[in-house]
Amino acid sequence: MKADLDLEAYLEEKMLLVEGALQEALPPAEDLSGRVVEAMRYSLFAGGKRLRPVLCLAGTEAVGGSAEAALPAAVALEMIHTYSLIHDDLPAMDDDDFRRGRPTSHKVFGEALAVLAGDGLLTLGLAQLPRAAAAGRLDPWLAAAALEVIARAAGHQGMVAGQAVDIESEGREVGADVVDFIHNHKTGALIAAAVTSGAIIGRASADQLRRLEEYGRKLGLAFQIVDDILGVEGDAATLGKPVGADQLKGKATYPKVAGLDRAKEKAKTMTAEARLALQGFGPEADPLRAVAEYVLVRKK
């Protein structure tokens, strides 16, 4: 990695791009739909790391593409991710009261409007790439290819499957293979799609796409394992949600099936393998390398 790469400055620069694009994509509503748009905005602009859109922009830059060209995909990813958080927090799912340090959507707007706010963000997110293609801002073939990757990662082959197995495994004794499935689908699939959709827009080669997808899947697994660890020994004020909730609910996590020490070793192994997947890329992929290191040491 280049010694002069300032990850904090890079993240801030890309987050500013993403925030501006999100504001443009979801302006405040002034008609009768105002309440559901307010609920959508409440969760979309609740803070957060914007990891997926930043990875999308870093993925396109790693293959020589333009971050601005990948912004529609970045916006789509953040909207879809936020929809998943709203729905995950519902009483029928994980039944969480706090997200990012403040009450979850259903605690503020009620369950019905929270469901609709999630639906609104999902559908608006999926519209971003076709909209950019229709406006002549993105090659239609690239838009379609990137959208297919994102939709597959968000659907029953990805995030939806992971959430379903997560719910079905709650309170049961399961093995590491089940936890791997949950984490690879619920978290890893969309993180991998973030990197590869950006790379597609940057016109990556088949080999580059394969390596970046591997990077994204390893990174996604590491991210979720660290999340599991923070859920045991993290700081509630820093995390913005209670610590120990996964244990109380009997969630399938790495600390539960393997113990904290082995979970930490697994996270280190996954980040090392993620970085290894970037062999052959030049300094343009340094932000991706730095993000892998950040994921391992993050505190929230």
Protein backbone atom coordinates (compact mmCIF):
# COMPACT_ATOMS: atom_id res chain seq x y z
CA MET A 1 0.00 0.00 0.00
CA LYS A 2 1.18 3.51 -0.69
CA ALA A 3 2.50 5.09 2.51
CA ASP A 4 0.84 8.38 1.63
CA LEU A 5 -2.70 6.98 1.30
CA ASP A 6 -4.88 8.71 3.89
CA LEU A 7 -7.86 6.39 4.27
CA GLU A 8 -9.79 8.82 6.45
CA ALA A 9 -9.47 11.57 3.82
CA TYR A 10 -10.38 9.12 1.04
CA LEU A 11 -13.50 7.97 2.90
CA GLU A 12 -14.54 11.55 3.62
CA GLU A 13 -14.10 12.55 -0.03
CA LYS A 14 -16.16 9.61 -1.30
CA MET A 15 -18.82 9.97 1.39
CA LEU A 16 -19.37 13.60 0.35
CA LEU A 17 -19.95 12.42 -3.23
CA VAL A 18 -22.38 9.76 -2.03
CA GLU A 19 -24.26 12.09 0.32
CA GLY A 20 -24.82 14.60 -2.45
CA ALA A 21 -26.06 11.91 -4.82
CA LEU A 22 -28.39 10.49 -2.17
CA GLN A 23 -29.88 13.91 -1.47
CA GLU A 24 -30.48 14.41 -5.18
CA ALA A 25 -32.06 10.97 -5.55
CA LEU A 26 -34.43 11.36 -2.58
CA PRO A 27 -35.56 14.97 -2.21
CA PRO A 28 -38.10 15.87 0.50
CA ALA A 29 -41.69 15.26 -0.60
CA GLU A 30 -44.35 17.95 -0.34
CA ASP A 31 -47.48 16.02 -1.41
CA LEU A 32 -49.48 13.33 0.38
CA SER A 33 -46.55 10.90 0.13
CA GLY A 34 -44.59 13.14 2.49
CA ARG A 35 -44.87 10.89 5.53
CA VAL A 36 -43.44 7.79 3.87
CA VAL A 37 -40.67 9.86 2.27
CA GLU A 38 -39.91 11.28 5.73
CA ALA A 39 -39.58 7.71 7.01
CA MET A 40 -37.32 6.81 4.08
CA ARG A 41 -35.13 9.85 4.75
CA TYR A 42 -35.06 9.16 8.49
CA SER A 43 -33.22 5.89 7.96
CA LEU A 44 -31.26 6.77 4.82
CA PHE A 45 -29.67 9.83 6.44
CA ALA A 46 -29.22 8.36 9.92
CA GLY A 47 -25.44 8.30 9.52
CA GLY A 48 -23.49 5.11 9.05
CA LYS A 49 -20.23 4.21 7.37
CA ARG A 50 -21.53 4.23 3.75
CA LEU A 51 -19.20 1.26 3.32
CA ARG A 52 -21.00 -0.30 0.34
CA PRO A 53 -21.18 2.82 -1.82
CA VAL A 54 -17.56 3.68 -0.99
CA LEU A 55 -16.50 0.16 -1.97
CA CYS A 56 -18.42 0.58 -5.22
CA LEU A 57 -16.52 3.77 -6.05
CA ALA A 58 -13.21 2.19 -4.99
CA GLY A 59 -14.00 -0.85 -7.15
CA THR A 60 -14.45 1.24 -10.27
CA GLU A 61 -11.30 3.25 -9.56
CA ALA A 62 -9.30 0.04 -9.03
CA VAL A 63 -9.85 -0.83 -12.71
CA GLY A 64 -9.32 2.70 -14.01
CA GLY A 65 -12.94 3.87 -14.00
CA SER A 66 -14.53 7.12 -12.84
CA ALA A 67 -16.14 7.39 -9.41
CA GLU A 68 -18.75 9.80 -10.78
CA ALA A 69 -19.86 7.22 -13.36
CA ALA A 70 -20.41 4.66 -10.60
CA LEU A 71 -22.48 6.98 -8.38
CA PRO A 72 -25.88 5.57 -9.52
CA ALA A 73 -24.75 2.10 -8.42
CA ALA A 74 -23.39 3.51 -5.16
CA VAL A 75 -26.73 5.20 -4.44
CA ALA A 76 -28.61 2.01 -5.30
CA LEU A 77 -26.47 -0.01 -2.91
CA GLU A 78 -26.97 2.36 0.02
CA MET A 79 -30.73 2.52 -0.52
CA ILE A 80 -30.99 -1.27 -0.72
CA HIS A 81 -28.77 -1.70 2.33
CA THR A 82 -30.90 0.78 4.30
CA TYR A 83 -34.12 -0.98 3.27
CA SER A 84 -32.65 -4.23 4.61
CA LEU A 85 -31.83 -2.59 7.95
CA ILE A 86 -35.35 -1.20 8.33
CA HIS A 87 -36.87 -4.61 7.66
CA ASP A 88 -34.29 -6.47 9.80
CA ASP A 89 -35.19 -4.27 12.77
CA LEU A 90 -38.94 -5.04 12.57
CA PRO A 91 -40.58 -7.04 15.40
CA ALA A 92 -41.21 -9.89 12.94
CA MET A 93 -37.46 -10.07 12.22
CA ASP A 94 -34.78 -9.06 14.75
CA ASP A 95 -37.07 -6.79 16.83
CA ASP A 96 -34.48 -4.08 17.52
CA ASP A 97 -35.32 -0.77 19.15
CA PHE A 98 -32.16 1.17 18.27
CA ARG A 99 -30.05 1.59 15.15
CA ARG A 100 -27.08 3.94 14.85
CA GLY A 101 -27.80 5.44 18.25
CA ARG A 102 -31.43 6.37 17.73
CA PRO A 103 -34.84 4.65 17.66
CA THR A 104 -35.42 2.31 14.74
CA SER A 105 -37.88 3.21 12.01
CA HIS A 106 -40.82 1.20 13.34
CA LYS A 107 -40.41 2.75 16.79
CA VAL A 108 -40.79 6.22 15.27
CA PHE A 109 -43.22 5.67 12.38
CA GLY A 110 -44.96 2.42 13.30
CA GLU A 111 -44.53 -1.01 11.75
CA ALA A 112 -46.69 -0.47 8.66
CA LEU A 113 -44.94 2.73 7.56
CA ALA A 114 -41.53 1.21 8.32
CA VAL A 115 -42.33 -1.69 5.96
CA LEU A 116 -43.41 0.78 3.29
CA ALA A 117 -40.34 2.97 3.81
CA GLY A 118 -38.15 -0.10 3.25
CA ASP A 119 -40.15 -1.01 0.15
CA GLY A 120 -39.77 2.54 -1.12
CA LEU A 121 -36.00 2.52 -0.69
CA LEU A 122 -35.63 -0.90 -2.34
CA THR A 123 -37.60 0.08 -5.42
CA LEU A 124 -36.04 3.53 -5.69
CA GLY A 125 -32.61 1.95 -5.36
CA LEU A 126 -33.28 -0.49 -8.17
CA ALA A 127 -34.38 2.42 -10.39
CA GLN A 128 -31.07 4.30 -10.13
CA LEU A 129 -29.09 2.47 -12.82
CA PRO A 130 -31.88 2.35 -15.45
CA ARG A 131 -32.52 6.04 -14.77
CA ALA A 132 -28.85 6.89 -15.37
CA ALA A 133 -28.87 4.85 -18.60
CA ALA A 134 -32.06 6.52 -19.83
CA ALA A 135 -30.52 9.94 -19.16
CA GLY A 136 -27.44 9.05 -21.21
CA ARG A 137 -25.13 9.18 -18.20
CA LEU A 138 -24.23 5.49 -18.31
CA ASP A 139 -23.84 2.87 -21.02
CA PRO A 140 -27.09 0.80 -20.98
CA TRP A 141 -25.22 -2.51 -21.12
CA LEU A 142 -23.03 -1.58 -18.17
CA ALA A 143 -26.08 -0.35 -16.25
CA ALA A 144 -27.93 -3.62 -16.88
CA ALA A 145 -24.94 -5.78 -15.93
CA ALA A 146 -24.31 -3.85 -12.71
CA LEU A 147 -28.01 -3.91 -11.79
CA GLU A 148 -28.18 -7.69 -12.29
CA VAL A 149 -25.26 -8.18 -9.90
CA ILE A 150 -26.82 -5.93 -7.26
CA ALA A 151 -30.33 -7.40 -7.59
CA ARG A 152 -29.02 -10.96 -7.33
CA ALA A 153 -27.03 -10.10 -4.21
CA ALA A 154 -30.07 -8.44 -2.62
CA GLY A 155 -32.57 -11.19 -3.46
CA HIS A 156 -33.24 -14.82 -2.65
CA GLN A 157 -29.76 -15.87 -3.80
CA GLY A 158 -28.13 -13.39 -1.46
CA MET A 159 -29.30 -11.11 1.34
CA VAL A 160 -32.86 -12.50 1.54
CA ALA A 161 -31.55 -16.06 1.82
CA GLY A 162 -29.14 -15.06 4.57
CA GLN A 163 -31.87 -13.33 6.56
CA ALA A 164 -34.22 -16.30 6.15
CA VAL A 165 -31.66 -18.79 7.46
CA ASP A 166 -30.70 -16.35 10.23
CA ILE A 167 -34.31 -16.28 11.44
CA GLU A 168 -34.72 -20.04 11.11
CA SER A 169 -31.50 -20.65 13.09
CA GLU A 170 -32.43 -18.39 16.00
CA GLY A 171 -32.43 -20.31 19.28
CA ARG A 172 -31.06 -23.48 17.65
CA GLU A 173 -27.68 -25.15 17.87
CA VAL A 174 -26.05 -24.81 14.45
CA GLY A 175 -22.58 -25.39 13.09
CA ALA A 176 -20.02 -23.09 11.53
CA ASP A 177 -21.26 -24.08 8.06
CA VAL A 178 -24.66 -22.52 8.78
CA VAL A 179 -23.07 -19.37 10.20
CA ASP A 180 -20.88 -19.18 7.09
CA PHE A 181 -23.99 -19.40 4.90
CA ILE A 182 -25.79 -16.67 6.85
CA HIS A 183 -22.84 -14.29 6.83
CA ASN A 184 -21.85 -14.94 3.21
CA HIS A 185 -25.39 -14.28 2.03
CA LYS A 186 -26.79 -11.72 4.46
CA THR A 187 -23.68 -9.51 4.49
CA GLY A 188 -21.02 -10.79 2.10
CA ALA A 189 -23.16 -10.90 -1.03
CA LEU A 190 -24.03 -7.19 -1.11
CA ILE A 191 -20.50 -6.14 -0.14
CA ALA A 192 -19.11 -8.26 -3.00
CA ALA A 193 -21.74 -6.78 -5.32
CA ALA A 194 -20.68 -3.28 -4.29
CA VAL A 195 -17.11 -3.88 -5.42
CA THR A 196 -17.98 -5.80 -8.59
CA SER A 197 -20.78 -3.49 -9.75
CA GLY A 198 -18.35 -0.59 -9.56
CA ALA A 199 -15.76 -2.64 -11.44
CA ILE A 200 -18.30 -3.49 -14.15
CA ILE A 201 -19.01 0.19 -14.67
CA GLY A 202 -15.24 0.75 -14.88
CA ARG A 203 -15.11 -1.90 -17.67
CA ALA A 204 -13.11 -4.46 -15.70
CA SER A 205 -11.76 -7.58 -17.38
CA ALA A 206 -13.14 -11.01 -16.47
CA ASP A 207 -10.06 -11.76 -14.35
CA GLN A 208 -10.31 -8.45 -12.53
CA LEU A 209 -13.99 -9.10 -11.79
CA ARG A 210 -13.21 -12.56 -10.43
CA ARG A 211 -10.50 -11.20 -8.13
CA LEU A 212 -12.63 -8.29 -6.93
CA GLU A 213 -15.58 -10.54 -6.21
CA GLU A 214 -13.31 -12.78 -4.14
CA TYR A 215 -12.02 -9.71 -2.32
CA GLY A 216 -15.58 -8.55 -1.62
CA ARG A 217 -16.77 -11.92 -0.32
CA LYS A 218 -13.77 -12.32 2.00
CA LEU A 219 -14.17 -8.75 3.19
CA GLY A 220 -17.90 -9.22 3.76
CA LEU A 221 -17.32 -12.31 5.88
CA ALA A 222 -14.62 -10.52 7.90
CA PHE A 223 -16.94 -7.54 8.37
CA GLN A 224 -19.74 -9.69 9.79
CA ILE A 225 -17.43 -11.69 12.05
CA VAL A 226 -16.10 -8.43 13.49
CA ASP A 227 -19.73 -7.34 13.91
CA ASP A 228 -20.38 -10.54 15.88
CA ILE A 229 -17.33 -9.86 18.05
CA LEU A 230 -18.37 -6.26 18.71
CA GLY A 231 -21.80 -7.57 19.67
CA VAL A 232 -20.09 -9.41 22.54
CA GLU A 233 -17.34 -7.07 23.70
CA GLY A 234 -17.99 -3.75 21.96
CA ASP A 235 -19.10 -0.45 23.51
CA ALA A 236 -22.85 0.19 23.29
CA ALA A 237 -22.41 3.97 23.05
CA THR A 238 -19.95 3.60 20.16
CA LEU A 239 -22.02 0.95 18.38
CA GLY A 240 -25.29 2.86 18.76
CA LYS A 241 -27.13 -0.30 19.86
CA PRO A 242 -27.11 -2.62 22.89
CA VAL A 243 -24.29 -5.12 23.34
CA GLY A 244 -25.25 -8.73 24.04
CA ALA A 245 -28.51 -8.71 22.08
CA ASP A 246 -27.38 -11.54 19.79
CA GLN A 247 -26.71 -13.83 22.74
CA LEU A 248 -30.09 -13.06 24.33
CA LYS A 249 -31.86 -13.90 21.06
CA GLY A 250 -29.83 -17.04 20.47
CA LYS A 251 -28.46 -15.74 17.17
CA ALA A 252 -26.09 -17.89 15.11
CA THR A 253 -22.75 -16.04 15.39
CA TYR A 254 -19.07 -16.93 15.17
CA PRO A 255 -18.37 -16.29 18.85
CA LYS A 256 -21.24 -18.63 19.69
CA VAL A 257 -20.11 -21.53 17.48
CA ALA A 258 -16.33 -21.07 17.69
CA GLY A 259 -15.56 -18.81 20.65
CA LEU A 260 -14.14 -15.29 20.65
CA ASP A 261 -10.50 -16.24 20.08
CA ARG A 262 -11.23 -18.39 17.03
CA ALA A 263 -13.63 -15.78 15.71
CA LYS A 264 -10.89 -13.15 15.89
CA GLU A 265 -8.47 -15.45 14.09
CA LYS A 266 -11.06 -16.13 11.39
CA ALA A 267 -11.56 -12.38 10.87
CA LYS A 268 -7.79 -11.90 10.50
CA THR A 269 -7.58 -14.75 8.01
CA MET A 270 -10.45 -13.37 5.91
CA THR A 271 -8.95 -9.87 5.73
CA ALA A 272 -5.56 -11.31 4.76
CA GLU A 273 -7.20 -13.38 2.02
CA ALA A 274 -9.15 -10.33 0.84
CA ARG A 275 -5.91 -8.40 0.42
CA LEU A 276 -4.31 -11.40 -1.28
CA ALA A 277 -7.08 -11.35 -3.90
CA LEU A 278 -5.86 -7.89 -4.93
CA GLN A 279 -2.47 -9.16 -6.07
CA GLY A 280 -1.87 -7.95 -9.60
CA PHE A 281 -3.69 -4.66 -9.02
CA GLY A 282 -1.64 -1.49 -8.81
CA PRO A 283 -1.85 1.46 -6.43
CA GLU A 284 -5.33 2.22 -7.79
CA ALA A 285 -6.55 -0.59 -5.49
CA ASP A 286 -4.84 0.83 -2.39
CA PRO A 287 -8.15 2.12 -0.97
CA LEU A 288 -9.53 -1.43 -1.13
CA ARG A 289 -6.46 -2.73 0.68
CA ALA A 290 -6.82 -0.04 3.34
CA VAL A 291 -10.52 -0.78 3.82
CA ALA A 292 -9.65 -4.42 4.58
CA GLU A 293 -7.35 -3.25 7.37
CA TYR A 294 -10.01 -0.84 8.65
CA VAL A 295 -12.69 -3.56 8.79
CA LEU A 296 -10.49 -5.64 11.09
CA VAL A 297 -9.85 -2.87 13.65
CA ARG A 298 -13.14 -0.96 13.53
CA LYS A 299 -15.02 -0.30 16.75
CA LYS A 300 -18.48 0.27 15.29
